């Protein structure tokens, strides 16, 4: 399963970004760049990124051509086929940022999803992130093995867990002081659907915590993509050796 774009978070504070155009489209981009701390400059300035918010089609495409010839990555407002990057709808729970993008296909859909997520994500989500950052030394002492640490955090932040991010402000210190179960062993999941949206909560949680994925023939990539990005993936073979941590075996019914 391929991505039409690679989502990235770019730190722009104090860095120049070219912005061309006037009117509401340009003003909206200006406000977004200012929130990110970017220095907005004209076309002749040195920069790595540019946004073209010119309404006239010929003038806009000419500007896009000039900027791309200089090696800049360009966002052409309302012209997704000419965009090297797009700007997402944003849910801000600083330092947590949730970005929703449609590859420029439908800004309205991205905005609607943002509104739904605004109601779903609690205001204390950023505070939880900051407490987790402050607890890093204690986390490393409690769970010196990286895999064990990831599993413990995954279990704590699962639905209903001690640090469930959708349940409010979790008490990280209290969680660390308690004796936490560590997901290990071998879990076999027999899928009845190739659609990742049909995964049960328990199956999705196992994928999120897996250290190794063993997949039988026919398991689609869309299902494997729901696992942790750093989980090892290998085809299942008879008599495959056990490993440390949590192994999830996937097969189709």
C-alpha atoms as a PDB file:
ATOM      1  CA  UNK A   1       0.000   0.000   0.000  1.00  0.00           C
ATOM      2  CA  UNK A   2       1.656   3.224  -1.157  1.00  0.00           C
ATOM      3  CA  UNK A   3       1.365   6.753   0.226  1.00  0.00           C
ATOM      4  CA  UNK A   4       0.596   9.624  -2.121  1.00  0.00           C
ATOM      5  CA  UNK A   5       2.673  11.834   0.203  1.00  0.00           C
ATOM      6  CA  UNK A   6       5.004  11.357   3.155  1.00  0.00           C
ATOM      7  CA  UNK A   7       3.629  13.347   6.131  1.00  0.00           C
ATOM      8  CA  UNK A   8       6.380  15.414   7.752  1.00  0.00           C
ATOM      9  CA  UNK A   9       6.508  18.026  10.496  1.00  0.00           C
ATOM     10  CA  UNK A  10       8.917  20.815   9.471  1.00  0.00           C
ATOM     11  CA  UNK A  11      10.321  23.289  11.999  1.00  0.00           C
ATOM     12  CA  UNK A  12      10.032  26.716  10.358  1.00  0.00           C
ATOM     13  CA  UNK A  13      10.708  29.064  13.286  1.00  0.00           C
ATOM     14  CA  UNK A  14      13.064  31.782  12.033  1.00  0.00           C
ATOM     15  CA  UNK A  15      13.375  30.240   8.570  1.00  0.00           C
ATOM     16  CA  UNK A  16      12.377  31.995   5.323  1.00  0.00           C
ATOM     17  CA  UNK A  17       9.365  30.844   3.311  1.00  0.00           C
ATOM     18  CA  UNK A  18       8.325  32.535   0.064  1.00  0.00           C
ATOM     19  CA  UNK A  19       4.660  33.551  -0.123  1.00  0.00           C
ATOM     20  CA  UNK A  20       3.232  34.971  -3.341  1.00  0.00           C
ATOM     21  CA  UNK A  21      -0.288  36.294  -3.851  1.00  0.00           C
ATOM     22  CA  UNK A  22      -2.936  38.413  -2.181  1.00  0.00           C
ATOM     23  CA  UNK A  23      -6.485  38.056  -0.931  1.00  0.00           C
ATOM     24  CA  UNK A  24      -7.978  35.517   1.471  1.00  0.00           C
ATOM     25  CA  UNK A  25      -6.079  32.415   0.190  1.00  0.00           C
ATOM     26  CA  UNK A  26      -2.751  34.183   0.701  1.00  0.00           C
ATOM     27  CA  UNK A  27      -3.879  35.643   4.046  1.00  0.00           C
ATOM     28  CA  UNK A  28      -4.816  32.157   5.301  1.00  0.00           C
ATOM     29  CA  UNK A  29      -1.391  30.800   4.363  1.00  0.00           C
ATOM     30  CA  UNK A  30       0.265  33.840   5.941  1.00  0.00           C
ATOM     31  CA  UNK A  31      -1.517  33.201   9.238  1.00  0.00           C
ATOM     32  CA  UNK A  32      -0.463  29.545   9.164  1.00  0.00           C
ATOM     33  CA  UNK A  33       3.184  30.418   8.469  1.00  0.00           C
ATOM     34  CA  UNK A  34       3.183  33.046  11.206  1.00  0.00           C
ATOM     35  CA  UNK A  35       1.848  30.487  13.713  1.00  0.00           C
ATOM     36  CA  UNK A  36       4.817  28.288  12.794  1.00  0.00           C
ATOM     37  CA  UNK A  37       7.240  31.196  13.290  1.00  0.00           C
ATOM     38  CA  UNK A  38       8.345  31.342   9.659  1.00  0.00           C
ATOM     39  CA  UNK A  39       9.886  34.474   8.138  1.00  0.00           C
ATOM     40  CA  UNK A  40       7.746  35.365   5.127  1.00  0.00           C
ATOM     41  CA  UNK A  41       9.802  36.639   2.190  1.00  0.00           C
ATOM     42  CA  UNK A  42       9.386  37.558  -1.465  1.00  0.00           C
ATOM     43  CA  UNK A  43      10.247  35.596  -4.561  1.00  0.00           C
ATOM     44  CA  UNK A  44      13.834  36.780  -4.882  1.00  0.00           C
ATOM     45  CA  UNK A  45      14.838  35.654  -1.386  1.00  0.00           C
ATOM     46  CA  UNK A  46      16.682  32.420  -0.623  1.00  0.00           C
ATOM     47  CA  UNK A  47      14.357  29.762   0.782  1.00  0.00           C
ATOM     48  CA  UNK A  48      13.587  26.041   0.640  1.00  0.00           C
ATOM     49  CA  UNK A  49       9.785  26.286   0.552  1.00  0.00           C
ATOM     50  CA  UNK A  50       7.366  28.479  -1.365  1.00  0.00           C
ATOM     51  CA  UNK A  51       3.608  28.948  -1.403  1.00  0.00           C
ATOM     52  CA  UNK A  52       1.917  30.381  -4.484  1.00  0.00           C
ATOM     53  CA  UNK A  53      -1.533  31.824  -3.697  1.00  0.00           C
ATOM     54  CA  UNK A  54      -2.012  33.776  -6.910  1.00  0.00           C
ATOM     55  CA  UNK A  55      -5.556  33.643  -8.281  1.00  0.00           C
ATOM     56  CA  UNK A  56      -4.746  34.269 -11.963  1.00  0.00           C
ATOM     57  CA  UNK A  57      -4.039  30.865 -13.527  1.00  0.00           C
ATOM     58  CA  UNK A  58      -1.311  31.923 -15.961  1.00  0.00           C
ATOM     59  CA  UNK A  59       0.518  34.052 -13.409  1.00  0.00           C
ATOM     60  CA  UNK A  60       0.293  31.307 -10.792  1.00  0.00           C
ATOM     61  CA  UNK A  61       1.654  28.587 -13.074  1.00  0.00           C
ATOM     62  CA  UNK A  62       4.463  30.870 -14.270  1.00  0.00           C
ATOM     63  CA  UNK A  63       5.475  31.516 -10.655  1.00  0.00           C
ATOM     64  CA  UNK A  64       5.342  27.793  -9.865  1.00  0.00           C
ATOM     65  CA  UNK A  65       7.608  27.059 -12.844  1.00  0.00           C
ATOM     66  CA  UNK A  66      10.143  29.716 -11.821  1.00  0.00           C
ATOM     67  CA  UNK A  67      10.296  28.546  -8.221  1.00  0.00           C
ATOM     68  CA  UNK A  68      10.580  24.858  -9.066  1.00  0.00           C
ATOM     69  CA  UNK A  69      13.389  25.658 -11.506  1.00  0.00           C
ATOM     70  CA  UNK A  70      15.300  27.012  -8.489  1.00  0.00           C
ATOM     71  CA  UNK A  71      14.860  23.702  -6.677  1.00  0.00           C
ATOM     72  CA  UNK A  72      12.228  24.909  -4.197  1.00  0.00           C
ATOM     73  CA  UNK A  73       9.389  22.729  -2.942  1.00  0.00           C
ATOM     74  CA  UNK A  74       6.187  24.530  -3.918  1.00  0.00           C
ATOM     75  CA  UNK A  75       2.611  24.564  -2.662  1.00  0.00           C
ATOM     76  CA  UNK A  76       0.232  25.931  -5.302  1.00  0.00           C
ATOM     77  CA  UNK A  77      -3.027  26.876  -3.591  1.00  0.00           C
ATOM     78  CA  UNK A  78      -6.082  25.163  -5.149  1.00  0.00           C
ATOM     79  CA  UNK A  79      -3.855  23.467  -7.746  1.00  0.00           C
ATOM     80  CA  UNK A  80      -2.960  20.093  -6.184  1.00  0.00           C
ATOM     81  CA  UNK A  81      -1.510  18.700  -9.389  1.00  0.00           C
ATOM     82  CA  UNK A  82       1.253  21.337  -9.165  1.00  0.00           C
ATOM     83  CA  UNK A  83       1.987  20.886  -5.441  1.00  0.00           C
ATOM     84  CA  UNK A  84       5.185  19.352  -4.085  1.00  0.00           C
ATOM     85  CA  UNK A  85       3.661  19.593  -0.609  1.00  0.00           C
ATOM     86  CA  UNK A  86       0.274  20.431   0.858  1.00  0.00           C
ATOM     87  CA  UNK A  87      -0.692  22.085   4.143  1.00  0.00           C
ATOM     88  CA  UNK A  88      -2.973  20.009   6.387  1.00  0.00           C
ATOM     89  CA  UNK A  89      -5.874  20.815   8.642  1.00  0.00           C
ATOM     90  CA  UNK A  90      -4.430  20.925  12.163  1.00  0.00           C
ATOM     91  CA  UNK A  91      -5.618  19.921  15.617  1.00  0.00           C
ATOM     92  CA  UNK A  92      -3.347  21.710  18.099  1.00  0.00           C
ATOM     93  CA  UNK A  93      -2.788  20.167  21.518  1.00  0.00           C
ATOM     94  CA  UNK A  94       0.745  21.507  21.852  1.00  0.00           C
ATOM     95  CA  UNK A  95       3.156  19.844  21.825  1.00  0.00           C
ATOM     96  CA  UNK A  96       0.860  17.274  20.185  1.00  0.00           C
ATOM     97  CA  UNK A  97      -0.138  18.178  16.642  1.00  0.00           C
ATOM     98  CA  UNK A  98      -2.561  16.122  14.575  1.00  0.00           C
ATOM     99  CA  UNK A  99      -2.443  16.878  10.849  1.00  0.00           C
ATOM    100  CA  UNK A 100      -5.170  15.774   8.427  1.00  0.00           C
ATOM    101  CA  UNK A 101      -4.336  15.830   4.742  1.00  0.00           C
ATOM    102  CA  UNK A 102      -6.125  14.755   1.590  1.00  0.00           C
ATOM    103  CA  UNK A 103      -3.310  15.466  -0.851  1.00  0.00           C
ATOM    104  CA  UNK A 104      -5.108  18.657  -1.844  1.00  0.00           C
ATOM    105  CA  UNK A 105      -8.146  16.720  -3.093  1.00  0.00           C
ATOM    106  CA  UNK A 106     -10.643  18.115  -0.572  1.00  0.00           C
ATOM    107  CA  UNK A 107      -9.821  20.814   1.956  1.00  0.00           C
ATOM    108  CA  UNK A 108     -13.455  20.668   3.090  1.00  0.00           C
ATOM    109  CA  UNK A 109     -13.160  17.011   4.064  1.00  0.00           C
ATOM    110  CA  UNK A 110      -9.944  17.696   5.983  1.00  0.00           C
ATOM    111  CA  UNK A 111     -11.662  20.565   7.831  1.00  0.00           C
ATOM    112  CA  UNK A 112     -14.653  18.365   8.710  1.00  0.00           C
ATOM    113  CA  UNK A 113     -12.373  15.664  10.097  1.00  0.00           C
ATOM    114  CA  UNK A 114     -10.473  18.273  12.094  1.00  0.00           C
ATOM    115  CA  UNK A 115     -13.709  19.451  13.708  1.00  0.00           C
ATOM    116  CA  UNK A 116     -14.594  15.891  14.707  1.00  0.00           C
ATOM    117  CA  UNK A 117     -11.140  15.293  16.158  1.00  0.00           C
ATOM    118  CA  UNK A 118     -11.257  18.590  18.072  1.00  0.00           C
ATOM    119  CA  UNK A 119     -14.204  17.195  20.008  1.00  0.00           C
ATOM    120  CA  UNK A 120     -12.555  13.804  20.485  1.00  0.00           C
ATOM    121  CA  UNK A 121      -9.085  14.766  21.704  1.00  0.00           C
ATOM    122  CA  UNK A 122      -9.034  16.086  25.287  1.00  0.00           C
ATOM    123  CA  UNK A 123      -7.481  19.441  26.135  1.00  0.00           C
ATOM    124  CA  UNK A 124      -5.002  17.708  28.460  1.00  0.00           C
ATOM    125  CA  UNK A 125      -3.371  15.678  25.698  1.00  0.00           C
ATOM    126  CA  UNK A 126      -0.424  18.063  25.442  1.00  0.00           C
ATOM    127  CA  UNK A 127       0.118  17.918  29.212  1.00  0.00           C
ATOM    128  CA  UNK A 128       0.264  14.105  29.016  1.00  0.00           C
ATOM    129  CA  UNK A 129       2.943  14.355  26.327  1.00  0.00           C
ATOM    130  CA  UNK A 130       4.989  16.720  28.478  1.00  0.00           C
ATOM    131  CA  UNK A 131       4.711  14.429  31.499  1.00  0.00           C
ATOM    132  CA  UNK A 132       5.878  11.490  29.391  1.00  0.00           C
ATOM    133  CA  UNK A 133       8.860  13.524  28.213  1.00  0.00           C
ATOM    134  CA  UNK A 134       9.744  14.478  31.787  1.00  0.00           C
ATOM    135  CA  UNK A 135       9.478  10.804  32.796  1.00  0.00           C
ATOM    136  CA  UNK A 136      11.962   9.544  30.173  1.00  0.00           C
ATOM    137  CA  UNK A 137      14.827   8.987  32.638  1.00  0.00           C
ATOM    138  CA  UNK A 138      12.507   7.099  35.010  1.00  0.00           C
ATOM    139  CA  UNK A 139      11.067   5.107  32.098  1.00  0.00           C
ATOM    140  CA  UNK A 140      14.543   4.040  31.007  1.00  0.00           C
ATOM    141  CA  UNK A 141      15.436   2.984  34.523  1.00  0.00           C
ATOM    142  CA  UNK A 142      12.210   1.003  34.910  1.00  0.00           C
ATOM    143  CA  UNK A 143      12.342  -0.519  31.431  1.00  0.00           C
ATOM    144  CA  UNK A 144      15.989  -0.492  30.252  1.00  0.00           C
ATOM    145  CA  UNK A 145      15.183  -2.653  27.217  1.00  0.00           C
ATOM    146  CA  UNK A 146      13.735  -0.586  24.382  1.00  0.00           C
ATOM    147  CA  UNK A 147      11.287  -3.247  23.252  1.00  0.00           C
ATOM    148  CA  UNK A 148      10.025  -3.804  26.786  1.00  0.00           C
ATOM    149  CA  UNK A 149       9.598  -0.042  27.201  1.00  0.00           C
ATOM    150  CA  UNK A 150       7.550   0.239  23.999  1.00  0.00           C
ATOM    151  CA  UNK A 151       5.323  -2.641  25.039  1.00  0.00           C
ATOM    152  CA  UNK A 152       4.705  -1.168  28.478  1.00  0.00           C
ATOM    153  CA  UNK A 153       3.821   2.219  27.038  1.00  0.00           C
ATOM    154  CA  UNK A 154       1.624   0.634  24.376  1.00  0.00           C
ATOM    155  CA  UNK A 155      -0.349  -1.273  26.985  1.00  0.00           C
ATOM    156  CA  UNK A 156      -0.683   1.793  29.223  1.00  0.00           C
ATOM    157  CA  UNK A 157      -1.947   4.003  26.382  1.00  0.00           C
ATOM    158  CA  UNK A 158      -4.344   1.444  24.915  1.00  0.00           C
ATOM    159  CA  UNK A 159      -8.075   2.022  25.296  1.00  0.00           C
ATOM    160  CA  UNK A 160      -8.911   1.801  28.983  1.00  0.00           C
ATOM    161  CA  UNK A 161      -5.235   1.768  29.996  1.00  0.00           C
ATOM    162  CA  UNK A 162      -3.714   3.790  32.800  1.00  0.00           C
ATOM    163  CA  UNK A 163      -2.487   6.433  30.336  1.00  0.00           C
ATOM    164  CA  UNK A 164      -5.297   6.211  27.762  1.00  0.00           C
ATOM    165  CA  UNK A 165      -4.776   9.511  25.866  1.00  0.00           C
ATOM    166  CA  UNK A 166      -8.501   9.874  25.164  1.00  0.00           C
ATOM    167  CA  UNK A 167      -9.500   9.450  28.796  1.00  0.00           C
ATOM    168  CA  UNK A 168      -7.981  12.641  30.166  1.00  0.00           C
ATOM    169  CA  UNK A 169      -4.732  13.511  31.894  1.00  0.00           C
ATOM    170  CA  UNK A 170      -3.005  10.263  32.875  1.00  0.00           C
ATOM    171  CA  UNK A 171      -0.886  10.109  36.019  1.00  0.00           C
ATOM    172  CA  UNK A 172       2.491   9.012  34.633  1.00  0.00           C
ATOM    173  CA  UNK A 173       4.256   8.922  38.010  1.00  0.00           C
ATOM    174  CA  UNK A 174       1.561   6.730  39.533  1.00  0.00           C
ATOM    175  CA  UNK A 175       1.655   4.386  36.554  1.00  0.00           C
ATOM    176  CA  UNK A 176       5.431   4.033  36.808  1.00  0.00           C
ATOM    177  CA  UNK A 177       5.184   3.261  40.493  1.00  0.00           C
ATOM    178  CA  UNK A 178       2.761   0.386  39.862  1.00  0.00           C
ATOM    179  CA  UNK A 179       3.675  -3.097  38.642  1.00  0.00           C
ATOM    180  CA  UNK A 180       2.722  -3.117  34.968  1.00  0.00           C
ATOM    181  CA  UNK A 181       2.083  -6.274  32.929  1.00  0.00           C
ATOM    182  CA  UNK A 182       4.307  -6.631  29.885  1.00  0.00           C
ATOM    183  CA  UNK A 183       2.763  -8.066  26.702  1.00  0.00           C
ATOM    184  CA  UNK A 184       4.930 -10.992  25.600  1.00  0.00           C
ATOM    185  CA  UNK A 185       4.477 -14.372  23.956  1.00  0.00           C
ATOM    186  CA  UNK A 186       2.854 -15.478  20.717  1.00  0.00           C
ATOM    187  CA  UNK A 187      -0.593 -14.311  19.539  1.00  0.00           C
ATOM    188  CA  UNK A 188      -2.243 -15.898  16.497  1.00  0.00           C
ATOM    189  CA  UNK A 189      -4.878 -13.824  14.707  1.00  0.00           C
ATOM    190  CA  UNK A 190      -7.109 -15.347  12.035  1.00  0.00           C
ATOM    191  CA  UNK A 191      -8.579 -12.554   9.946  1.00  0.00           C
ATOM    192  CA  UNK A 192     -12.034 -12.819   8.445  1.00  0.00           C
ATOM    193  CA  UNK A 193     -11.658  -9.637   6.389  1.00  0.00           C
ATOM    194  CA  UNK A 194      -8.892  -7.985   4.405  1.00  0.00           C
ATOM    195  CA  UNK A 195     -10.199  -4.560   5.421  1.00  0.00           C
ATOM    196  CA  UNK A 196      -8.110  -3.056   8.277  1.00  0.00           C
ATOM    197  CA  UNK A 197     -11.198  -1.180   9.482  1.00  0.00           C
ATOM    198  CA  UNK A 198     -12.716  -4.553  10.421  1.00  0.00           C
ATOM    199  CA  UNK A 199      -9.989  -5.306  12.973  1.00  0.00           C
ATOM    200  CA  UNK A 200     -11.335  -5.773  16.482  1.00  0.00           C
ATOM    201  CA  UNK A 201     -10.024  -3.602  19.297  1.00  0.00           C
ATOM    202  CA  UNK A 202      -8.060  -6.557  20.703  1.00  0.00           C
ATOM    203  CA  UNK A 203      -6.520  -7.329  17.306  1.00  0.00           C
ATOM    204  CA  UNK A 204      -5.574  -3.686  16.715  1.00  0.00           C
ATOM    205  CA  UNK A 205      -3.999  -3.529  20.174  1.00  0.00           C
ATOM    206  CA  UNK A 206      -1.924  -6.658  19.470  1.00  0.00           C
ATOM    207  CA  UNK A 207      -0.678  -5.163  16.207  1.00  0.00           C
ATOM    208  CA  UNK A 208       0.219  -1.908  17.937  1.00  0.00           C
ATOM    209  CA  UNK A 209       2.271  -3.745  20.579  1.00  0.00           C
ATOM    210  CA  UNK A 210       3.911  -6.393  18.375  1.00  0.00           C
ATOM    211  CA  UNK A 211       7.678  -6.717  18.222  1.00  0.00           C
ATOM    212  CA  UNK A 212       7.513  -9.221  15.341  1.00  0.00           C
ATOM    213  CA  UNK A 213       4.893  -9.932  12.669  1.00  0.00           C
ATOM    214  CA  UNK A 214       4.619 -13.396  11.088  1.00  0.00           C
ATOM    215  CA  UNK A 215       2.275 -13.240   8.109  1.00  0.00           C
ATOM    216  CA  UNK A 216       0.775 -16.136   6.177  1.00  0.00           C
ATOM    217  CA  UNK A 217       0.170 -15.884   2.406  1.00  0.00           C
ATOM    218  CA  UNK A 218      -2.739 -13.648   1.521  1.00  0.00           C
ATOM    219  CA  UNK A 219      -2.494 -11.241   4.443  1.00  0.00           C
ATOM    220  CA  UNK A 220      -2.762  -7.810   2.779  1.00  0.00           C
ATOM    221  CA  UNK A 221      -0.212  -5.065   3.257  1.00  0.00           C
ATOM    222  CA  UNK A 222      -2.985  -2.782   4.538  1.00  0.00           C
ATOM    223  CA  UNK A 223      -3.279  -5.007   7.624  1.00  0.00           C
ATOM    224  CA  UNK A 224       0.485  -5.148   8.177  1.00  0.00           C
ATOM    225  CA  UNK A 225       0.593  -1.359   7.972  1.00  0.00           C
ATOM    226  CA  UNK A 226      -1.476  -1.208  11.179  1.00  0.00           C
ATOM    227  CA  UNK A 227       1.442  -2.655  13.145  1.00  0.00           C
ATOM    228  CA  UNK A 228       4.192  -0.581  14.726  1.00  0.00           C
ATOM    229  CA  UNK A 229       6.525   0.785  12.073  1.00  0.00           C
ATOM    230  CA  UNK A 230       9.571  -0.727  13.790  1.00  0.00           C
ATOM    231  CA  UNK A 231       8.061  -4.190  14.277  1.00  0.00           C
ATOM    232  CA  UNK A 232       9.981  -6.891  12.396  1.00  0.00           C
ATOM    233  CA  UNK A 233       7.996  -8.465   9.546  1.00  0.00           C
ATOM    234  CA  UNK A 234       8.636 -11.897   8.058  1.00  0.00           C
ATOM    235  CA  UNK A 235       6.654 -14.579   6.216  1.00  0.00           C
ATOM    236  CA  UNK A 236       5.419 -17.392   8.431  1.00  0.00           C
ATOM    237  CA  UNK A 237       7.175 -20.722   8.013  1.00  0.00           C
ATOM    238  CA  UNK A 238       6.578 -24.018   9.889  1.00  0.00           C
ATOM    239  CA  UNK A 239       8.643 -24.301  13.039  1.00  0.00           C
ATOM    240  CA  UNK A 240       9.629 -20.632  13.107  1.00  0.00           C
ATOM    241  CA  UNK A 241      11.720 -19.952  16.195  1.00  0.00           C
ATOM    242  CA  UNK A 242      10.346 -18.062  19.171  1.00  0.00           C
ATOM    243  CA  UNK A 243      11.675 -14.593  19.950  1.00  0.00           C
ATOM    244  CA  UNK A 244      11.691 -12.150  22.818  1.00  0.00           C
ATOM    245  CA  UNK A 245       8.770  -9.798  23.208  1.00  0.00           C
ATOM    246  CA  UNK A 246       5.390 -10.120  21.533  1.00  0.00           C
ATOM    247  CA  UNK A 247       5.048 -12.045  18.265  1.00  0.00           C
ATOM    248  CA  UNK A 248       1.805 -11.714  16.303  1.00  0.00           C
ATOM    249  CA  UNK A 249       1.015 -14.356  13.688  1.00  0.00           C
ATOM    250  CA  UNK A 250      -1.488 -13.303  11.041  1.00  0.00           C
ATOM    251  CA  UNK A 251      -3.470 -15.642   8.799  1.00  0.00           C
ATOM    252  CA  UNK A 252      -6.549 -15.325   6.608  1.00  0.00           C
ATOM    253  CA  UNK A 253      -9.585 -17.480   7.375  1.00  0.00           C
END
